[in-house]
Protein backbone atom coordinates (compact mmCIF):
# COMPACT_ATOMS: atom_id res chain seq x y z
CA MET A 1 8.65 -2.62 -14.94
CA SER A 2 8.19 -3.13 -11.29
CA THR A 3 4.80 -1.57 -10.60
CA HIS A 4 1.60 -0.64 -12.39
CA GLN A 5 2.50 2.53 -14.24
CA ALA A 6 -0.70 4.39 -15.02
CA PRO A 7 -2.48 7.56 -13.89
CA MET A 8 -4.62 5.27 -11.77
CA PRO A 9 -2.29 2.37 -10.82
CA LEU A 10 -3.73 -0.98 -9.74
CA CYS A 11 -2.46 -3.36 -7.01
CA GLN A 12 -0.70 -6.27 -8.50
CA ARG A 13 -0.06 -9.43 -6.60
CA ALA A 14 3.39 -9.98 -8.05
CA PHE A 15 4.58 -6.53 -6.73
CA SER A 16 2.56 -6.10 -3.51
CA GLN A 17 3.27 -6.40 0.13
CA LEU A 18 0.65 -5.94 2.99
CA LEU A 19 1.75 -3.66 5.79
CA ILE A 20 -0.26 -3.68 9.00
CA ILE A 21 0.71 -0.88 11.32
CA ASP A 22 0.25 -0.88 15.05
CA ALA A 23 -3.15 -2.71 15.29
CA GLN A 24 -2.61 -2.99 19.08
CA GLU A 25 -4.86 -3.56 22.03
CA ARG A 26 -4.65 -0.25 23.85
CA LEU A 27 -4.87 1.78 20.62
CA ALA A 28 -7.90 -0.39 19.62
CA ALA A 29 -9.57 0.53 22.90
CA ALA A 30 -9.56 4.20 22.08
CA MET A 31 -11.26 3.73 18.65
CA PRO A 32 -14.96 4.10 17.73
CA GLN A 33 -16.20 0.49 18.14
CA ASP A 34 -18.24 0.26 15.02
CA GLU A 35 -15.53 1.60 12.74
CA LEU A 36 -12.99 -0.64 14.68
CA ASP A 37 -15.00 -3.81 13.91
CA LEU A 38 -15.20 -2.84 10.18
CA VAL A 39 -11.36 -2.10 10.06
CA VAL A 40 -10.39 -5.24 11.78
CA GLY A 41 -12.68 -7.24 9.47
CA ASN A 42 -11.00 -5.62 6.49
CA ILE A 43 -7.52 -6.11 7.68
CA ASN A 44 -8.22 -9.82 8.19
CA ARG A 45 -9.84 -10.03 4.64
CA LEU A 46 -6.69 -8.61 3.06
CA MET A 47 -4.43 -10.68 5.27
CA THR A 48 -6.30 -13.88 4.25
CA ALA A 49 -6.29 -12.87 0.54
CA ALA A 50 -2.48 -12.06 0.81
CA LYS A 51 -1.81 -15.42 2.33
CA THR A 52 -3.88 -17.20 -0.28
CA LEU A 53 -2.01 -15.44 -3.06
CA GLY A 54 1.44 -15.60 -1.68
CA ILE A 55 1.75 -11.83 -0.85
CA PRO A 56 4.04 -11.07 2.06
CA VAL A 57 2.48 -9.58 5.19
CA ILE A 58 4.60 -7.25 7.40
CA ALA A 59 3.49 -5.92 10.72
CA THR A 60 4.69 -3.28 13.29
CA GLN A 61 4.06 -2.69 16.94
CA HIS A 62 4.44 0.78 18.46
CA ASN A 63 5.85 0.82 22.00
CA SER A 64 4.23 -2.53 22.90
CA LYS A 65 5.02 -2.06 26.57
CA GLY A 66 2.62 0.84 26.61
CA LEU A 67 0.15 -0.11 23.84
CA GLY A 68 0.11 -3.88 24.20
CA PRO A 69 0.33 -6.66 21.53
CA ILE A 70 -1.49 -6.84 18.22
CA ILE A 71 -5.09 -7.36 18.95
CA GLU A 72 -6.04 -11.02 19.09
CA ALA A 73 -8.59 -10.83 16.27
CA ILE A 74 -5.72 -9.82 13.92
CA GLY A 75 -2.82 -11.52 15.54
CA ALA A 76 -4.52 -14.97 15.37
CA ASN A 77 -4.69 -14.61 11.54
CA MET A 78 -1.12 -13.38 10.96
CA PRO A 79 1.35 -15.62 9.17
CA GLU A 80 3.99 -17.01 11.25
CA ALA A 81 6.70 -15.20 9.27
CA ALA A 82 5.07 -11.80 9.90
CA ILE A 83 6.87 -11.15 13.30
CA PRO A 84 6.13 -7.54 14.12
CA THR A 85 8.66 -4.99 14.05
CA GLU A 86 8.95 -3.18 17.31
CA LYS A 87 9.16 0.60 17.08
CA THR A 88 9.04 3.86 19.06
CA ALA A 89 9.25 6.18 16.02
CA PHE A 90 5.89 7.21 14.52
CA SER A 91 7.05 6.43 11.00
CA CYS A 92 7.82 2.84 10.42
CA CYS A 93 10.57 4.07 7.90
CA THR A 94 12.74 5.27 10.90
CA ALA A 95 12.36 2.12 12.93
CA PRO A 96 15.37 -0.22 13.06
CA GLY A 97 14.74 -3.37 11.11
CA PHE A 98 11.75 -2.16 9.26
CA GLU A 99 13.58 -1.38 6.00
CA ARG A 100 15.17 -4.75 5.96
CA ASN A 101 11.66 -6.34 6.24
CA ILE A 102 10.09 -4.64 3.28
CA SER A 103 13.30 -4.85 1.12
CA ALA A 104 13.48 -8.61 1.62
CA HIS A 105 11.29 -8.71 -1.42
CA PRO A 106 12.99 -6.14 -3.72
CA GLU A 107 10.62 -6.78 -6.67
CA ARG A 108 7.65 -5.87 -4.53
CA ARG A 109 7.45 -2.12 -4.82
CA GLN A 110 3.77 -1.76 -3.91
CA LEU A 111 2.83 -1.34 -0.31
CA ILE A 112 -0.78 -1.67 0.79
CA VAL A 113 -1.00 0.03 4.21
CA VAL A 114 -3.60 -0.64 6.87
CA GLY A 115 -3.85 -0.17 10.70
CA MET A 116 -3.84 2.52 13.28
CA GLU A 117 -3.65 5.52 13.67
CA ALA A 118 -4.34 7.05 10.32
CA HIS A 119 -3.19 10.65 11.06
CA ILE A 120 -0.05 9.68 12.99
CA CYS A 121 1.88 6.47 12.21
CA ILE A 122 0.18 5.68 9.00
CA ALA A 123 0.54 9.16 7.59
CA GLN A 124 4.26 9.46 8.55
CA THR A 125 4.95 5.90 7.26
CA VAL A 126 3.28 6.37 3.88
CA SER A 127 5.24 9.64 3.41
CA GLY A 128 8.46 7.86 4.04
CA LEU A 129 7.56 4.89 1.76
CA GLN A 130 6.77 7.34 -1.01
CA ARG A 131 10.17 9.13 -0.47
CA TRP A 132 11.82 5.62 -0.76
CA GLY A 133 10.08 5.15 -4.14
CA TYR A 134 7.34 2.77 -3.19
CA GLN A 135 3.94 2.87 -4.85
CA VAL A 136 1.64 3.28 -1.82
CA PHE A 137 -2.07 2.19 -1.59
CA VAL A 138 -4.25 2.91 1.56
CA PRO A 139 -7.61 1.29 1.82
CA ALA A 140 -9.77 4.00 3.42
CA ASP A 141 -11.80 1.22 5.16
CA GLY A 142 -8.56 -0.42 6.48
CA ILE A 143 -7.33 2.42 8.63
CA ILE A 144 -8.71 4.15 11.67
CA SER A 145 -8.15 7.17 14.02
CA ARG A 146 -9.68 8.06 17.33
CA LYS A 147 -11.69 10.87 15.62
CA PRO A 148 -13.28 10.53 12.19
CA SER A 149 -12.19 14.19 11.37
CA TYR A 150 -8.54 13.15 11.82
CA LYS A 151 -8.85 10.23 9.34
CA ALA A 152 -10.79 12.43 6.84
CA ASN A 153 -8.05 15.04 7.01
CA VAL A 154 -5.18 12.55 6.35
CA LEU A 155 -7.08 10.93 3.45
CA GLU A 156 -7.42 14.28 1.84
CA ARG A 157 -3.71 14.96 2.36
CA MET A 158 -2.83 11.51 0.92
CA ARG A 159 -4.89 11.95 -2.20
CA ALA A 160 -3.27 15.33 -2.82
CA CYS A 161 0.12 13.87 -2.57
CA GLY A 162 -0.35 10.86 -4.88
CA ILE A 163 -1.05 8.05 -2.39
CA GLN A 164 -3.60 5.75 -3.84
CA VAL A 165 -6.62 5.83 -1.58
CA VAL A 166 -8.68 2.73 -2.39
CA CYS A 167 -11.09 0.32 -0.58
CA THR A 168 -10.35 -3.17 0.67
CA GLU A 169 -12.47 -4.96 -1.90
CA SER A 170 -10.75 -3.10 -4.74
CA VAL A 171 -7.35 -4.39 -3.49
CA GLY A 172 -8.64 -7.98 -3.41
CA PHE A 173 -10.04 -7.89 -6.91
CA GLU A 174 -7.03 -6.12 -8.31
CA TRP A 175 -4.79 -8.78 -6.93
CA ILE A 176 -6.98 -11.47 -8.68
CA GLY A 177 -7.42 -9.51 -11.90
CA ASP A 178 -9.54 -12.14 -13.69
CA SER A 179 -12.56 -14.31 -12.71
CA THR A 180 -10.87 -17.31 -14.32
CA ASP A 181 -7.95 -17.08 -11.84
CA ALA A 182 -7.60 -20.37 -10.04
CA GLN A 183 -8.00 -18.56 -6.60
CA PHE A 184 -10.72 -16.32 -7.63
CA ARG A 185 -13.59 -18.03 -5.66
CA GLU A 186 -11.41 -18.24 -2.55
CA VAL A 187 -10.64 -14.48 -2.59
CA TRP A 188 -14.19 -13.55 -3.81
CA SER A 189 -15.75 -15.43 -0.89
CA LEU A 190 -13.85 -13.07 1.55
CA PHE A 191 -15.98 -10.04 0.23
CA LYS A 192 -19.41 -11.74 -0.04
């Protein structure tokens, strides 16, 4: 069994990868500031938990000449191995090199997807990941769009199509699974 097979699956650290989509400077500048601060904080919480638990982190950048690099608040926390895949397609699944990055860990068939923009690159990517047979989780508090109504619309679409819409803290605690886990306190402290 390669993922959690249940009507309501849970994120499992042995099967997970964290995918950060297009969290870039010029995109960030167009986002509502309060929500951006929340999303950046939550992306960093998940990235820190992933690093603590040995979960691979994958990142993408969309047209970095036009949209700039990954924002410093996230880029500074990114593992050295997470060199962003450059892309021009909205779906990561059609970007050269992306499939190689996620398939580098064939046993990890759960993708936790965060970043920007919810209704464009994230929506098209999660559709592609689902088509490829991945179990996809999207923390609603880890994605953002320029307009809240766009994000609300895509979250509704995702739920209707079997994408697991979760929250950041749920992912962290599902990865841990038990308060006696040796890394429980380290992960728990991220959500205090």
